[in-house]
Amino acid sequence: MVDAPDAGPYDPHDGRGRCEWAGSTPDYVAYHDEEWGHAVHGVAAMYERLSLEAFQSGLSWITILRKRPAFREAFAGFDPEKVARFGQDDRARLLADAGIVRNRLKIDAAIANARAVLDLDTPLDELLWSFAPDPATHVRPAGLADVPAVTPESTAMAKELKRRGLRFVGPTTCYALMQATGLVDDHVAHCWRADAA
């Protein structure tokens, strides 16, 4: 059993140590335990995660996490074929939707990115997974201070996505995407998910 004072967030109800960021709200605990760092595959699933990470830029993740059901409804389940057909009426609808982040640049990027995803010569999930580092060379972070914000792989991913016409895909956003979708496993050493991996 992990001891709370030495190991970051510790839930006395289940006896589990977690990554430092995960213990502040029940929403974060559920996201951390059930999703973050789990391998994600599929074009729509990866397009959703890419879009949500872009919307998160400059905001807290908890804001996006709590608005995710509204985002899914507003963006047609993040089906890139449907979003790519969004026109001015849809754009106006999204800008008026208080359930999501109403940022014009990010909304325009999500629509443009859906179109770019459809133009790829490789499925989005296959393209993104091609930037996953070799797990054998990845060093598990001891604590939050050891988790990078950017890596050579996330920088290369951002460059390639931009080259292919995607927006709001900088190296930091790409690394957050890599962590969230299991391309890298950044559960810290004292986290129960690190033992479960």
Protein backbone atom coordinates (compact mmCIF):
# COMPACT_ATOMS: atom_id res chain seq x y z
CA MET A 1 0.00 0.00 0.00
CA VAL A 2 1.28 3.48 -0.89
CA ASP A 3 1.68 5.94 1.95
CA ALA A 4 -0.03 9.30 1.39
CA PRO A 5 2.63 11.73 2.65
CA ASP A 6 5.36 10.28 0.42
CA ALA A 7 3.37 9.36 -2.64
CA GLY A 8 1.06 12.10 -3.83
CA PRO A 9 -2.72 11.77 -3.85
CA TYR A 10 -3.85 8.82 -1.84
CA ASP A 11 -7.46 7.73 -1.63
CA PRO A 12 -8.23 6.30 1.80
CA HIS A 13 -11.38 4.71 0.35
CA ASP A 14 -9.56 2.47 -2.09
CA GLY A 15 -5.98 2.57 -0.78
CA ARG A 16 -4.50 3.64 -4.10
CA GLY A 17 -1.75 6.14 -4.76
CA ARG A 18 -2.21 8.20 -7.92
CA CYS A 19 -0.43 10.72 -10.11
CA GLU A 20 -0.32 14.05 -8.30
CA TRP A 21 -2.78 15.78 -10.66
CA ALA A 22 -5.44 13.09 -10.29
CA GLY A 23 -6.62 13.48 -6.72
CA SER A 24 -8.32 16.87 -6.71
CA THR A 25 -11.81 15.90 -7.90
CA PRO A 26 -13.84 12.72 -8.46
CA ASP A 27 -13.92 13.63 -12.19
CA TYR A 28 -10.13 13.56 -12.32
CA VAL A 29 -9.93 10.31 -10.35
CA ALA A 30 -12.30 8.58 -12.78
CA TYR A 31 -10.52 10.01 -15.84
CA HIS A 32 -7.12 9.05 -14.46
CA ASP A 33 -8.14 5.53 -13.46
CA GLU A 34 -10.31 4.64 -16.44
CA GLU A 35 -8.92 6.56 -19.43
CA TRP A 36 -5.67 8.51 -19.14
CA GLY A 37 -2.78 6.53 -20.53
CA HIS A 38 -4.95 3.73 -21.92
CA ALA A 39 -4.30 2.91 -25.57
CA VAL A 40 -6.81 4.61 -27.87
CA HIS A 41 -7.35 3.52 -31.46
CA GLY A 42 -9.77 4.49 -34.20
CA VAL A 43 -9.99 7.62 -36.33
CA ALA A 44 -13.03 9.14 -34.57
CA ALA A 45 -11.63 8.40 -31.10
CA MET A 46 -8.29 10.01 -31.95
CA TYR A 47 -9.95 12.96 -33.69
CA GLU A 48 -12.02 13.53 -30.53
CA ARG A 49 -8.95 13.45 -28.27
CA LEU A 50 -7.01 15.72 -30.64
CA SER A 51 -9.91 18.18 -30.71
CA LEU A 52 -10.40 18.19 -26.95
CA GLU A 53 -6.68 18.72 -26.33
CA ALA A 54 -6.79 21.68 -28.73
CA PHE A 55 -9.83 23.14 -26.96
CA GLN A 56 -8.00 22.71 -23.64
CA SER A 57 -5.13 24.96 -24.74
CA GLY A 58 -4.95 27.79 -22.20
CA LEU A 59 -7.66 26.26 -19.99
CA SER A 60 -7.77 23.63 -17.27
CA TRP A 61 -8.42 20.06 -18.33
CA ILE A 62 -11.24 19.76 -15.79
CA THR A 63 -13.18 22.39 -17.78
CA ILE A 64 -12.93 20.28 -20.93
CA LEU A 65 -13.60 17.03 -19.10
CA ARG A 66 -16.83 18.36 -17.61
CA LYS A 67 -17.93 19.76 -20.98
CA ARG A 68 -17.07 16.61 -22.91
CA PRO A 69 -20.67 15.34 -23.20
CA ALA A 70 -21.72 18.70 -24.65
CA PHE A 71 -18.72 18.68 -27.00
CA ARG A 72 -19.67 15.22 -28.22
CA GLU A 73 -23.22 16.32 -28.93
CA ALA A 74 -22.18 19.59 -30.56
CA PHE A 75 -19.56 17.93 -32.77
CA ALA A 76 -21.68 14.98 -33.99
CA GLY A 77 -19.86 12.45 -31.83
CA PHE A 78 -16.57 13.68 -33.30
CA ASP A 79 -17.26 11.84 -36.52
CA PRO A 80 -14.79 13.61 -38.83
CA GLU A 81 -16.95 12.96 -41.91
CA LYS A 82 -19.89 14.76 -40.30
CA VAL A 83 -17.81 17.60 -38.83
CA ALA A 84 -16.05 18.15 -42.16
CA ARG A 85 -19.45 19.02 -43.65
CA PHE A 86 -20.17 21.70 -41.01
CA GLY A 87 -21.00 25.03 -42.64
CA GLN A 88 -21.73 28.56 -41.46
CA ASP A 89 -24.96 27.57 -39.69
CA ASP A 90 -23.10 24.92 -37.70
CA ARG A 91 -20.32 27.37 -36.90
CA ALA A 92 -22.87 29.89 -35.62
CA ARG A 93 -24.56 27.15 -33.58
CA LEU A 94 -21.25 26.17 -31.99
CA LEU A 95 -20.35 29.77 -31.19
CA ALA A 96 -23.69 30.13 -29.39
CA ASP A 97 -23.43 26.84 -27.47
CA ALA A 98 -22.67 27.62 -23.82
CA GLY A 99 -22.07 23.92 -23.17
CA ILE A 100 -18.73 23.99 -25.00
CA VAL A 101 -15.77 26.36 -25.19
CA ARG A 102 -16.93 29.09 -27.55
CA ASN A 103 -13.62 30.11 -29.03
CA ARG A 104 -13.91 30.99 -32.71
CA LEU A 105 -10.34 29.97 -33.59
CA LYS A 106 -10.64 26.61 -31.85
CA ILE A 107 -14.04 25.88 -33.40
CA ASP A 108 -12.72 26.75 -36.84
CA ALA A 109 -9.67 24.55 -36.18
CA ALA A 110 -11.83 21.57 -35.16
CA ILE A 111 -13.80 21.84 -38.41
CA ALA A 112 -10.67 22.37 -40.53
CA ASN A 113 -8.96 19.48 -38.75
CA ALA A 114 -11.84 17.14 -39.58
CA ARG A 115 -11.38 18.03 -43.24
CA ALA A 116 -7.62 17.52 -42.96
CA VAL A 117 -8.16 14.13 -41.28
CA LEU A 118 -10.26 13.01 -44.25
CA ASP A 119 -7.50 14.12 -46.64
CA LEU A 120 -4.80 12.06 -44.92
CA ASP A 121 -3.25 9.24 -46.91
CA THR A 122 -2.86 7.28 -43.67
CA PRO A 123 -5.61 6.84 -41.05
CA LEU A 124 -5.24 9.40 -38.25
CA ASP A 125 -4.75 6.84 -35.52
CA GLU A 126 -2.04 5.06 -37.52
CA LEU A 127 -0.29 8.37 -38.19
CA LEU A 128 -0.40 9.41 -34.53
CA TRP A 129 0.77 6.01 -33.26
CA SER A 130 3.76 6.20 -35.61
CA PHE A 131 5.18 8.82 -33.20
CA ALA A 132 4.95 6.61 -30.12
CA PRO A 133 8.40 6.22 -28.58
CA ASP A 134 9.80 2.77 -27.96
CA PRO A 135 8.34 1.73 -24.59
CA ALA A 136 11.63 0.04 -23.73
CA THR A 137 13.41 3.41 -23.78
CA HIS A 138 10.72 5.36 -21.91
CA VAL A 139 11.65 6.07 -18.30
CA ARG A 140 8.71 6.13 -15.90
CA PRO A 141 8.64 9.52 -14.13
CA ALA A 142 9.28 9.37 -10.40
CA GLY A 143 6.93 12.30 -9.79
CA LEU A 144 5.10 15.13 -11.51
CA ALA A 145 8.26 17.23 -11.74
CA ASP A 146 9.80 14.53 -13.96
CA VAL A 147 6.98 14.58 -16.54
CA PRO A 148 8.00 16.57 -19.62
CA ALA A 149 5.68 19.01 -21.40
CA VAL A 150 7.35 18.45 -24.77
CA THR A 151 9.47 15.66 -26.23
CA PRO A 152 11.26 15.15 -29.54
CA GLU A 153 8.41 12.83 -30.57
CA SER A 154 5.70 15.38 -29.76
CA THR A 155 7.66 18.05 -31.61
CA ALA A 156 7.95 15.79 -34.66
CA MET A 157 4.23 14.93 -34.43
CA ALA A 158 3.26 18.60 -34.27
CA LYS A 159 5.44 19.43 -37.26
CA GLU A 160 3.95 16.61 -39.33
CA LEU A 161 0.35 17.41 -38.38
CA LYS A 162 0.86 21.07 -39.26
CA ARG A 163 2.44 20.03 -42.57
CA ARG A 164 -0.73 18.08 -43.27
CA GLY A 165 -2.94 21.09 -42.57
CA LEU A 166 -4.03 20.53 -38.95
CA ARG A 167 -4.26 23.46 -36.53
CA PHE A 168 -3.86 23.93 -32.76
CA VAL A 169 -1.42 21.03 -32.70
CA GLY A 170 1.72 22.42 -31.08
CA PRO A 171 4.31 20.19 -29.37
CA THR A 172 2.76 20.63 -25.90
CA THR A 173 -0.74 19.78 -27.14
CA CYS A 174 0.68 16.79 -28.99
CA TYR A 175 2.46 15.52 -25.89
CA ALA A 176 -0.73 15.84 -23.83
CA LEU A 177 -2.47 13.85 -26.57
CA MET A 178 0.27 11.21 -26.45
CA GLN A 179 -0.16 10.86 -22.69
CA ALA A 180 -3.95 10.77 -22.82
CA THR A 181 -4.13 8.15 -25.57
CA GLY A 182 -1.46 5.78 -24.31
CA LEU A 183 1.28 6.56 -26.82
CA VAL A 184 3.40 7.16 -23.72
CA ASP A 185 2.82 5.93 -20.18
CA ASP A 186 3.52 8.80 -17.81
CA HIS A 187 1.81 7.37 -14.74
CA VAL A 188 4.34 8.18 -12.02
CA ALA A 189 6.19 5.50 -10.10
CA HIS A 190 3.94 5.52 -7.01
CA CYS A 191 0.71 5.42 -9.05
CA TRP A 192 -1.35 2.23 -8.93
CA ARG A 193 -1.85 2.49 -12.73
CA ALA A 194 1.92 2.15 -13.16
CA ASP A 195 1.70 -1.25 -11.49
CA ALA A 196 -1.36 -2.16 -13.57
CA ALA A 197 0.31 -1.37 -16.92
